[in-house]
Protein backbone atom coordinates (compact mmCIF):
# COMPACT_ATOMS: atom_id res chain seq x y z
CA MET A 1 11.09 -24.52 -1.50
CA ASN A 2 13.78 -26.40 0.39
CA VAL A 3 11.21 -29.01 1.46
CA TYR A 4 10.24 -29.44 -2.19
CA ASP A 5 13.91 -29.68 -3.24
CA SER A 6 14.58 -32.21 -0.46
CA GLU A 7 11.77 -34.42 -1.75
CA LYS A 8 13.31 -34.32 -5.22
CA ILE A 9 16.76 -35.10 -3.83
CA ALA A 10 15.40 -38.07 -1.88
CA GLY A 11 13.56 -39.33 -4.95
CA LEU A 12 16.63 -39.08 -7.17
CA LEU A 13 18.79 -40.91 -4.64
CA ALA A 14 16.13 -43.60 -4.19
CA SER A 15 16.52 -44.34 -7.88
CA ARG A 16 20.18 -45.21 -7.13
CA GLY A 17 19.21 -47.60 -4.34
CA TYR A 18 19.49 -45.27 -1.37
CA ARG A 19 16.79 -45.25 1.31
CA ILE A 20 16.08 -42.79 4.12
CA THR A 21 17.45 -43.36 7.61
CA ARG A 22 16.60 -41.08 10.53
CA ARG A 23 19.99 -41.69 12.16
CA PRO A 24 23.03 -40.00 10.60
CA SER A 25 25.25 -42.56 12.33
CA GLU A 26 23.73 -45.25 10.08
CA ALA A 27 23.97 -43.26 6.86
CA ASP A 28 26.25 -43.99 3.94
CA LEU A 29 25.39 -40.52 2.59
CA VAL A 30 24.30 -37.41 4.49
CA VAL A 31 22.81 -34.61 2.40
CA VAL A 32 22.58 -31.18 4.04
CA ASN A 33 20.13 -28.92 2.19
CA THR A 34 20.86 -25.34 3.17
CA CYS A 35 19.34 -21.85 3.32
CA ALA A 36 21.21 -18.54 3.07
CA ILE A 37 18.34 -16.08 3.49
CA ARG A 38 19.52 -15.13 6.99
CA GLU A 39 22.93 -15.18 8.64
CA LYS A 40 21.71 -17.45 11.46
CA ALA A 41 20.63 -20.12 8.97
CA GLU A 42 24.11 -20.12 7.43
CA GLN A 43 25.75 -20.39 10.85
CA LYS A 44 23.64 -23.47 11.60
CA VAL A 45 24.99 -25.17 8.47
CA PHE A 46 28.62 -25.02 9.57
CA SER A 47 27.71 -25.92 13.14
CA TYR A 48 26.02 -29.08 11.86
CA LEU A 49 28.93 -29.87 9.52
CA GLY A 50 31.23 -29.66 12.54
CA ARG A 51 29.20 -32.40 14.23
CA LEU A 52 29.26 -34.50 11.06
CA ALA A 53 33.07 -34.16 10.92
CA GLY A 54 33.32 -35.99 14.24
CA LEU A 55 31.04 -38.72 12.94
CA LYS A 56 33.04 -39.06 9.73
CA ARG A 57 36.27 -39.53 11.65
CA ARG A 58 34.72 -42.72 13.00
CA ARG A 59 33.22 -43.69 9.62
CA ALA A 60 35.61 -42.65 6.87
CA ASP A 61 33.48 -44.28 4.17
CA MET A 62 30.48 -42.02 4.83
CA LEU A 63 29.84 -39.33 2.18
CA VAL A 64 28.71 -35.80 3.04
CA ALA A 65 26.99 -33.61 0.44
CA VAL A 66 25.98 -29.96 0.88
CA GLY A 67 23.32 -28.44 -1.37
CA GLY A 68 21.02 -25.44 -1.50
CA CYS A 69 21.67 -21.73 -1.29
CA VAL A 70 24.78 -21.79 0.94
CA ALA A 71 26.31 -24.32 -1.46
CA GLN A 72 25.50 -22.08 -4.43
CA GLN A 73 26.92 -19.05 -2.63
CA GLN A 74 30.15 -20.50 -1.23
CA GLY A 75 31.03 -23.37 -3.59
CA ASP A 76 34.61 -24.62 -3.12
CA ARG A 77 34.98 -22.60 0.09
CA ILE A 78 32.81 -25.14 1.94
CA PRO A 79 35.17 -28.17 1.71
CA ALA A 80 38.11 -25.82 2.26
CA ARG A 81 36.50 -24.73 5.54
CA GLN A 82 35.14 -28.17 6.45
CA PRO A 83 37.14 -31.03 4.86
CA CYS A 84 34.51 -33.64 5.80
CA VAL A 85 32.43 -32.43 2.82
CA ASP A 86 32.73 -34.62 -0.30
CA ILE A 87 30.15 -32.98 -2.59
CA VAL A 88 28.92 -29.40 -3.01
CA PHE A 89 25.96 -28.96 -5.37
CA GLY A 90 24.14 -25.69 -6.08
CA THR A 91 20.46 -24.87 -6.32
CA GLN A 92 20.32 -25.73 -10.01
CA ALA A 93 22.49 -28.86 -9.85
CA ILE A 94 20.03 -31.15 -8.05
CA GLY A 95 19.42 -33.20 -11.20
CA ARG A 96 23.14 -33.92 -11.45
CA LEU A 97 23.48 -35.11 -7.84
CA PRO A 98 23.24 -38.87 -8.63
CA ALA A 99 26.20 -38.54 -11.02
CA LEU A 100 28.18 -36.61 -8.39
CA VAL A 101 27.43 -39.30 -5.79
CA GLU A 102 28.58 -42.01 -8.21
CA ARG A 103 31.91 -40.22 -8.73
CA ALA A 104 32.34 -39.66 -4.98
CA GLU A 105 31.65 -43.36 -4.34
CA ALA A 106 34.47 -44.12 -6.79
CA GLY A 107 36.88 -42.06 -4.69
CA PHE A 108 36.89 -38.74 -6.56
CA GLY A 109 36.52 -35.50 -4.66
CA PRO A 110 35.82 -33.16 -3.18
CA LEU A 111 33.41 -32.33 -6.03
CA THR A 112 31.69 -29.00 -6.63
CA ASP A 113 28.88 -28.23 -9.10
CA THR A 114 27.24 -24.81 -8.92
CA GLY A 115 26.49 -24.58 -12.63
CA PRO A 116 23.13 -23.70 -14.22
CA ALA A 117 20.32 -26.17 -14.72
CA GLU A 118 19.72 -27.74 -18.09
CA GLY A 119 16.05 -26.79 -17.76
CA ILE A 120 13.46 -26.24 -15.08
CA GLU A 121 11.49 -29.29 -16.23
CA MET A 122 14.32 -31.72 -15.61
CA ILE A 123 13.20 -32.99 -12.18
CA THR A 124 9.63 -34.25 -12.01
CA GLY A 125 7.76 -37.02 -10.28
CA ALA A 126 5.89 -37.58 -7.05
CA ALA A 127 8.38 -39.96 -5.40
CA ALA A 128 9.66 -38.53 -2.14
CA GLY A 129 12.29 -41.23 -1.68
CA GLY A 130 11.03 -42.28 1.74
CA LEU A 131 10.39 -38.82 3.17
CA ASP A 132 7.09 -38.48 5.04
CA ALA A 133 5.38 -36.30 2.43
CA GLY A 134 1.88 -36.40 3.93
CA ILE A 135 -1.30 -35.20 2.27
CA SER A 136 -0.07 -31.64 1.72
CA ARG A 137 2.58 -31.34 -0.97
CA PHE A 138 4.60 -28.61 -2.70
CA VAL A 139 4.91 -27.92 -6.42
CA THR A 140 7.38 -25.37 -7.77
CA VAL A 141 5.85 -23.38 -10.62
CA MET A 142 8.80 -21.03 -11.16
CA ARG A 143 12.35 -20.58 -9.98
CA GLY A 144 14.45 -17.50 -9.26
CA CYS A 145 13.57 -13.82 -8.96
CA ASP A 146 13.98 -10.65 -11.03
CA ASN A 147 13.10 -8.11 -8.34
CA TYR A 148 16.49 -7.60 -6.63
CA CYS A 149 15.24 -6.33 -3.29
CA THR A 150 18.30 -4.79 -1.69
CA TYR A 151 18.29 -7.11 1.35
CA CYS A 152 17.81 -10.37 -0.57
CA VAL A 153 20.24 -12.96 -1.96
CA VAL A 154 17.67 -14.99 -3.92
CA PRO A 155 18.53 -13.65 -7.42
CA PHE A 156 22.20 -14.46 -6.71
CA VAL A 157 21.68 -18.01 -5.40
CA ARG A 158 18.51 -19.10 -7.27
CA GLY A 159 19.02 -17.14 -10.48
CA ARG A 160 16.65 -15.12 -12.65
CA GLU A 161 12.96 -15.93 -13.01
CA VAL A 162 12.03 -18.90 -15.16
CA SER A 163 8.56 -20.48 -15.22
CA ARG A 164 7.53 -24.07 -15.80
CA SER A 165 4.92 -24.78 -18.43
CA PRO A 166 1.34 -25.05 -17.12
CA GLU A 167 1.15 -28.55 -18.60
CA ALA A 168 4.13 -29.68 -16.51
CA VAL A 169 2.69 -28.14 -13.35
CA VAL A 170 -0.73 -29.74 -13.83
CA ALA A 171 0.85 -33.11 -14.67
CA GLU A 172 2.87 -33.04 -11.44
CA VAL A 173 -0.21 -32.09 -9.41
CA ARG A 174 -2.11 -35.02 -10.92
CA GLU A 175 0.76 -37.35 -10.07
CA LEU A 176 0.87 -36.09 -6.49
CA VAL A 177 -2.89 -36.56 -6.11
CA ALA A 178 -2.54 -40.11 -7.40
CA ASP A 179 0.17 -40.56 -4.74
CA GLY A 180 -2.24 -39.49 -1.97
CA ALA A 181 -1.96 -35.68 -1.89
CA ARG A 182 -5.13 -33.77 -1.02
CA GLU A 183 -3.64 -30.27 -0.91
CA VAL A 184 -0.91 -28.62 -2.97
CA THR A 185 0.98 -25.40 -2.37
CA LEU A 186 2.29 -23.77 -5.55
CA LEU A 187 5.72 -22.21 -5.00
CA GLY A 188 7.62 -19.31 -6.52
CA GLN A 189 9.56 -16.31 -5.28
CA ASN A 190 6.92 -14.16 -6.98
CA VAL A 191 4.08 -16.26 -8.33
CA ASN A 192 2.30 -13.08 -9.48
CA SER A 193 4.78 -12.76 -12.36
CA TYR A 194 4.41 -16.40 -13.40
CA GLY A 195 4.71 -16.97 -17.14
CA ARG A 196 5.24 -13.35 -18.20
CA LYS A 197 8.73 -13.79 -19.63
CA GLU A 198 7.82 -17.00 -21.43
CA GLY A 199 4.43 -15.81 -22.73
CA LEU A 200 2.57 -18.48 -20.76
CA CYS A 201 -0.84 -18.15 -19.15
CA SER A 202 -1.31 -15.89 -16.11
CA PHE A 203 -0.95 -17.30 -12.61
CA ALA A 204 -4.71 -16.95 -12.09
CA ARG A 205 -5.33 -19.13 -15.14
CA LEU A 206 -2.77 -21.65 -13.92
CA LEU A 207 -4.70 -21.82 -10.64
CA ALA A 208 -7.90 -22.50 -12.61
CA ARG A 209 -6.23 -25.43 -14.38
CA VAL A 210 -4.98 -26.89 -11.10
CA ASN A 211 -8.43 -26.32 -9.60
CA ALA A 212 -9.86 -28.70 -12.22
CA VAL A 213 -7.70 -31.66 -11.08
CA ASP A 214 -9.97 -34.43 -9.80
CA GLY A 215 -9.32 -35.62 -6.26
CA LEU A 216 -7.60 -32.42 -5.14
CA ALA A 217 -9.28 -30.75 -2.17
CA ARG A 218 -7.31 -27.54 -1.61
CA ILE A 219 -4.85 -25.18 -3.30
CA ARG A 220 -2.49 -22.73 -1.63
CA PHE A 221 0.35 -20.63 -3.03
CA THR A 222 3.29 -18.54 -1.92
CA THR A 223 4.80 -15.98 -2.32
CA SER A 224 2.77 -13.12 -3.76
CA HIS A 225 4.59 -9.82 -4.42
CA PRO A 226 2.34 -6.80 -3.68
CA LYS A 227 3.49 -4.79 -6.68
CA ASP A 228 2.28 -7.50 -9.10
CA LEU A 229 -0.93 -8.59 -7.37
CA SER A 230 -3.56 -8.40 -10.14
CA ASP A 231 -7.32 -7.99 -10.00
CA GLU A 232 -7.56 -11.27 -11.93
CA LEU A 233 -5.74 -13.12 -9.15
CA ILE A 234 -7.83 -11.42 -6.47
CA ALA A 235 -10.99 -12.51 -8.29
CA ALA A 236 -9.76 -16.11 -8.27
CA PHE A 237 -10.42 -16.30 -4.53
CA GLY A 238 -14.12 -16.02 -5.34
CA SER A 239 -14.30 -18.14 -8.47
CA LEU A 240 -12.14 -21.16 -7.59
CA ASP A 241 -13.75 -23.49 -5.05
CA LYS A 242 -10.49 -25.25 -4.05
CA LEU A 243 -8.41 -22.09 -3.54
CA CYS A 244 -7.92 -21.55 0.18
CA ARG A 245 -9.08 -18.35 1.84
CA HIS A 246 -5.57 -17.30 2.82
CA LEU A 247 -3.08 -14.97 1.18
CA HIS A 248 0.52 -14.39 2.22
CA LEU A 249 1.38 -10.85 1.11
CA PRO A 250 4.82 -9.74 2.39
CA VAL A 251 4.99 -6.02 3.17
CA GLN A 252 8.42 -5.94 4.92
CA SER A 253 7.94 -2.37 6.23
CA GLY A 254 5.20 0.20 6.75
CA SER A 255 7.47 3.12 5.86
CA ASP A 256 7.68 4.46 2.30
CA ALA A 257 11.25 5.61 2.94
CA VAL A 258 12.32 2.10 3.97
CA LEU A 259 10.34 0.44 1.16
CA LYS A 260 12.16 2.63 -1.34
CA ARG A 261 15.59 1.70 0.07
CA MET A 262 14.51 -1.93 -0.03
CA ASN A 263 13.60 -1.55 -3.74
CA ARG A 264 10.20 -3.12 -3.13
CA GLY A 265 8.46 -1.26 -5.97
CA TYR A 266 5.33 -0.19 -4.10
CA THR A 267 4.26 2.32 -1.48
CA ARG A 268 2.38 1.89 1.77
CA GLN A 269 -0.74 3.33 0.15
CA HIS A 270 -0.54 0.95 -2.80
CA TYR A 271 -0.21 -1.99 -0.43
CA LEU A 272 -3.18 -0.91 1.69
CA ALA A 273 -5.28 -0.39 -1.45
CA ARG A 274 -4.53 -3.98 -2.52
CA VAL A 275 -5.53 -5.24 0.93
CA GLU A 276 -8.81 -3.31 0.71
CA ARG A 277 -9.45 -4.79 -2.75
CA ILE A 278 -8.78 -8.32 -1.51
CA ARG A 279 -11.12 -7.98 1.44
CA ALA A 280 -13.84 -6.48 -0.74
CA ALA A 281 -13.61 -9.49 -3.05
CA CYS A 282 -13.30 -12.07 -0.27
CA PRO A 283 -14.57 -10.94 3.15
CA GLY A 284 -13.04 -13.01 5.92
CA ILE A 285 -9.92 -13.95 4.00
CA ALA A 286 -6.91 -14.55 6.26
CA LEU A 287 -3.85 -12.42 5.54
CA SER A 288 -0.28 -13.06 6.63
CA THR A 289 2.91 -11.14 5.93
CA ASP A 290 6.68 -10.80 6.43
CA ILE A 291 8.28 -7.96 8.41
CA ILE A 292 11.96 -6.99 8.53
CA VAL A 293 13.00 -4.82 11.48
CA GLY A 294 16.20 -2.84 11.76
CA PHE A 295 16.83 -2.34 8.04
CA PRO A 296 19.76 0.10 7.56
CA GLY A 297 18.52 3.64 8.13
CA GLU A 298 15.21 2.58 9.72
CA THR A 299 14.35 5.36 12.17
CA GLU A 300 12.05 5.17 15.16
CA GLU A 301 9.40 6.94 13.06
CA ASP A 302 9.83 4.40 10.26
CA PHE A 303 9.33 1.60 12.76
CA ARG A 304 6.29 3.29 14.30
CA GLN A 305 4.71 3.34 10.85
CA THR A 306 5.30 -0.41 10.56
CA LEU A 307 3.52 -1.05 13.86
CA GLU A 308 0.66 1.20 12.73
CA LEU A 309 0.33 -0.75 9.48
CA ILE A 310 0.19 -4.06 11.37
CA ARG A 311 -2.62 -2.69 13.55
CA GLU A 312 -4.46 -1.24 10.55
CA VAL A 313 -4.33 -4.40 8.42
CA GLU A 314 -4.84 -6.74 11.38
CA TYR A 315 -2.99 -9.72 9.94
CA ASP A 316 -3.95 -13.19 11.05
CA SER A 317 -0.27 -14.05 11.43
CA LEU A 318 3.16 -12.80 10.40
CA PHE A 319 6.81 -13.78 10.19
CA ALA A 320 9.20 -11.18 11.58
CA PHE A 321 12.98 -11.08 11.23
CA LYS A 322 15.89 -8.93 12.32
CA TYR A 323 17.77 -7.57 9.32
CA SER A 324 21.18 -9.14 8.76
CA ASP A 325 23.76 -8.34 6.09
CA ARG A 326 23.99 -11.01 3.40
CA PRO A 327 26.77 -11.54 0.82
CA ASP A 328 26.03 -9.91 -2.56
CA ALA A 329 22.93 -8.09 -1.28
CA PRO A 330 23.27 -4.31 -1.91
CA ALA A 331 22.01 -3.37 1.57
CA ARG A 332 25.21 -4.81 3.01
CA ARG A 333 26.92 -1.63 1.81
CA PHE A 334 24.26 0.71 3.25
CA SER A 335 25.23 3.02 6.10
CA ARG A 336 23.30 3.84 9.30
CA LYS A 337 23.12 0.27 10.59
CA VAL A 338 20.68 -0.31 13.44
CA ALA A 339 22.21 -1.62 16.67
CA GLU A 340 21.56 -5.28 17.52
CA GLU A 341 19.85 -4.47 20.83
CA GLU A 342 17.51 -2.05 19.06
CA LYS A 343 16.68 -4.69 16.45
CA LYS A 344 15.79 -7.10 19.26
CA ARG A 345 13.52 -4.51 20.86
CA ARG A 346 11.75 -3.80 17.60
CA LEU A 347 11.33 -7.49 16.82
CA LYS A 348 9.72 -8.07 20.21
CA ALA A 349 7.37 -5.12 19.68
CA VAL A 350 6.23 -6.54 16.32
CA LEU A 351 5.67 -10.03 17.73
CA ASP A 352 3.82 -8.72 20.80
CA THR A 353 1.57 -6.55 18.63
CA GLN A 354 0.73 -9.44 16.32
CA GLU A 355 0.15 -11.91 19.16
CA HIS A 356 -2.54 -9.63 20.60
CA ILE A 357 -4.28 -9.46 17.20
CA THR A 358 -3.98 -13.21 16.55
CA ARG A 359 -5.39 -14.12 19.96
CA ARG A 360 -8.39 -11.86 19.39
CA LYS A 361 -9.01 -13.27 15.91
CA ASN A 362 -8.74 -16.84 17.21
CA ARG A 363 -11.26 -16.09 19.97
CA GLN A 364 -13.70 -14.92 17.31
CA CYS A 365 -13.67 -18.46 15.89
CA VAL A 366 -15.12 -19.97 19.08
CA GLY A 367 -18.66 -21.20 18.45
CA ARG A 368 -18.19 -21.50 14.69
CA ILE A 369 -18.13 -24.67 12.63
CA GLU A 370 -14.90 -24.71 10.65
CA THR A 371 -14.01 -27.13 7.85
CA VAL A 372 -10.69 -28.83 8.59
CA LEU A 373 -8.51 -30.91 6.27
CA VAL A 374 -7.30 -33.74 8.51
CA GLU A 375 -3.50 -34.11 8.49
CA GLY A 376 -3.36 -36.98 10.98
CA VAL A 377 -3.43 -37.62 14.71
CA SER A 378 -2.20 -34.76 16.87
CA ARG A 379 1.36 -34.82 18.21
CA ARG A 380 0.11 -34.85 21.78
CA ASN A 381 -2.12 -37.84 21.02
CA ALA A 382 0.69 -39.73 19.27
CA ALA A 383 3.10 -39.05 22.15
CA ALA A 384 0.60 -40.11 24.81
CA GLY A 385 -0.54 -43.23 22.96
CA ALA A 386 -4.16 -42.45 23.77
CA GLY A 387 -6.81 -45.07 23.06
CA ALA A 388 -9.49 -44.75 20.39
CA ALA A 389 -11.95 -43.19 22.86
CA ARG A 390 -9.59 -40.29 23.51
CA MET A 391 -8.12 -39.86 20.04
CA GLN A 392 -7.22 -36.37 18.91
CA TRP A 393 -6.61 -35.26 15.33
CA THR A 394 -5.05 -32.20 13.78
CA GLY A 395 -5.53 -30.23 10.58
CA ARG A 396 -5.97 -26.78 9.12
CA THR A 397 -8.83 -24.59 8.07
CA SER A 398 -8.97 -22.94 4.66
CA GLU A 399 -7.64 -19.81 6.41
CA ASN A 400 -4.56 -21.83 7.50
CA ARG A 401 -5.49 -21.95 11.19
CA ILE A 402 -4.29 -25.06 13.05
CA VAL A 403 -7.15 -27.00 14.64
CA ASN A 404 -6.76 -29.89 17.08
CA PHE A 405 -9.96 -31.80 17.70
CA SER A 406 -11.60 -34.93 19.05
CA ARG A 407 -14.78 -36.75 18.00
CA GLU A 408 -18.19 -35.96 19.38
CA GLU A 409 -18.86 -38.48 22.16
CA GLY A 410 -21.11 -41.25 20.92
CA ALA A 411 -20.75 -40.15 17.29
CA ALA A 412 -22.13 -42.77 14.93
CA VAL A 413 -19.85 -41.83 12.05
CA ALA A 414 -16.49 -43.45 11.41
CA PRO A 415 -13.35 -41.87 12.90
CA PRO A 416 -11.78 -39.13 10.76
CA GLN A 417 -9.22 -40.28 8.24
CA THR A 418 -6.16 -38.41 7.04
CA GLY A 419 -7.11 -36.39 3.98
CA GLN A 420 -10.79 -36.01 4.82
CA LEU A 421 -12.60 -32.71 5.21
CA VAL A 422 -14.21 -32.58 8.63
CA ASP A 423 -16.67 -30.06 10.12
CA VAL A 424 -15.35 -29.07 13.56
CA LEU A 425 -17.18 -27.04 16.19
CA ILE A 426 -14.57 -24.69 17.69
CA GLU A 427 -14.72 -24.65 21.51
CA LYS A 428 -11.44 -23.05 22.57
CA ALA A 429 -8.90 -20.60 21.17
CA PHE A 430 -5.20 -20.40 21.95
CA ALA A 431 -2.34 -18.19 20.82
CA HIS A 432 -1.46 -20.27 17.76
CA SER A 433 -4.20 -22.88 17.41
CA LEU A 434 -7.85 -23.76 17.95
CA TRP A 435 -9.53 -26.68 19.71
CA GLY A 436 -12.84 -28.30 18.86
CA ARG A 437 -15.01 -31.36 18.38
CA ALA A 438 -16.02 -32.99 15.13
CA PRO A 439 -19.77 -33.58 14.94
CA ALA A 440 -19.54 -35.29 11.56
CA VAL A 441 -17.28 -36.30 8.72
CA ARG A 442 -18.47 -35.28 5.29
CA PRO A 443 -17.24 -35.95 1.75
CA VAL A 444 -15.32 -33.36 -0.25
CA LYS A 445 -17.65 -30.91 -1.99
CA PRO A 446 -17.29 -27.51 -3.67
CA ARG A 447 -17.49 -24.33 -1.64
CA PRO A 448 -21.18 -23.42 -1.15
CA LYS A 449 -22.65 -20.59 -3.20
CA GLY A 450 -23.37 -18.66 -0.03
CA ASP A 451 -19.77 -18.58 1.10
CA ALA A 452 -18.33 -15.19 2.03
CA CYS A 453 -16.00 -15.07 -0.98
CA TYR A 454 -17.41 -14.11 -4.33
CA ALA A 455 -16.07 -13.15 -7.74
CA ALA A 456 -14.69 -9.62 -7.88
């Protein structure tokens, strides 16, 4: 979501004549887009502002703006703590940033705007303002959250749920495709509840409308709340040819006691039943999740149940985090905090368990032909400056696995181009990626009828 917001910020500032520079020392305006989901992320913000303060002492005319969730949360306290900041704008004030910059240029400040948005539709357009957007782009379909998980600050910094109209979403996807996008990821804190408050279509029907956009190759989405995952959405993995075979389904904990204290709204059994339903509808689908370790009151037995759930589900990948108290989140007031060293131990156990599973699943891909959406030349290739005969490309499978590959020696077909779908024979598996060779480049076509996914 912050990447998406940053693209909008860059586009809005481009309309005022600003252009991107990769060197802060050359900038007339530095915009810091922030995250408050974890304490470490917030610490990084003020560490970076400290470095900018030194730069601004040498360039007094440079403007510094802070946006995002930390800005929404702390408001006027940011310039009070770090006087180098000229503008503070909240998560719903992005559309008003050009006006704030104009006032700051005129010598007013410091300025703070953490007020509500005038409407979720107010910022549209494909322009990324000079950011390297690539072929994979983000589209926000809804903003905010109504779930109030006890560890989470999102409802306090992003507000309550509000959904965009399906017409606006589809129009933005079309514009992005016209701008070169081949894949879109639809964003929301809980896309499963899309449109309910406004009486719009279901999220599954929104996916069907996006699926019909000409020129689009793939669709992804995040995040999907387990308590609201519908049979209709599960069935979409079989009926929509552009919908990727990957679902991110955050579980957070394998313990019912912890899930209840987290206010997640589902049990371990309900979650596992949804996983079984998904895999019945789409065998081979890749599943990923989020895990929080060391939540207040999490016992050793609670944690053991989380490890057991990871082994039972056998995720393809996961994101794991140590719990940290956040302002406004109810869990900050919970007793029985878990010691920092114990949180570190549990985090390592989760990551080690998942790495073993991921390595095994990656090895199972060796010998298969996987379809890869080419994202460009690989980083290693770009850094080495390899010649055409040794070119390496990178991309992802429908299941979101990273694949680096080279061409079949003596191949008569043209070299792969960014945005093409390429059939790659997988030859090696690593901890976080695959390696292969591309025997051919083929045009985009719908998923074959014999594919493993089918309508539920």
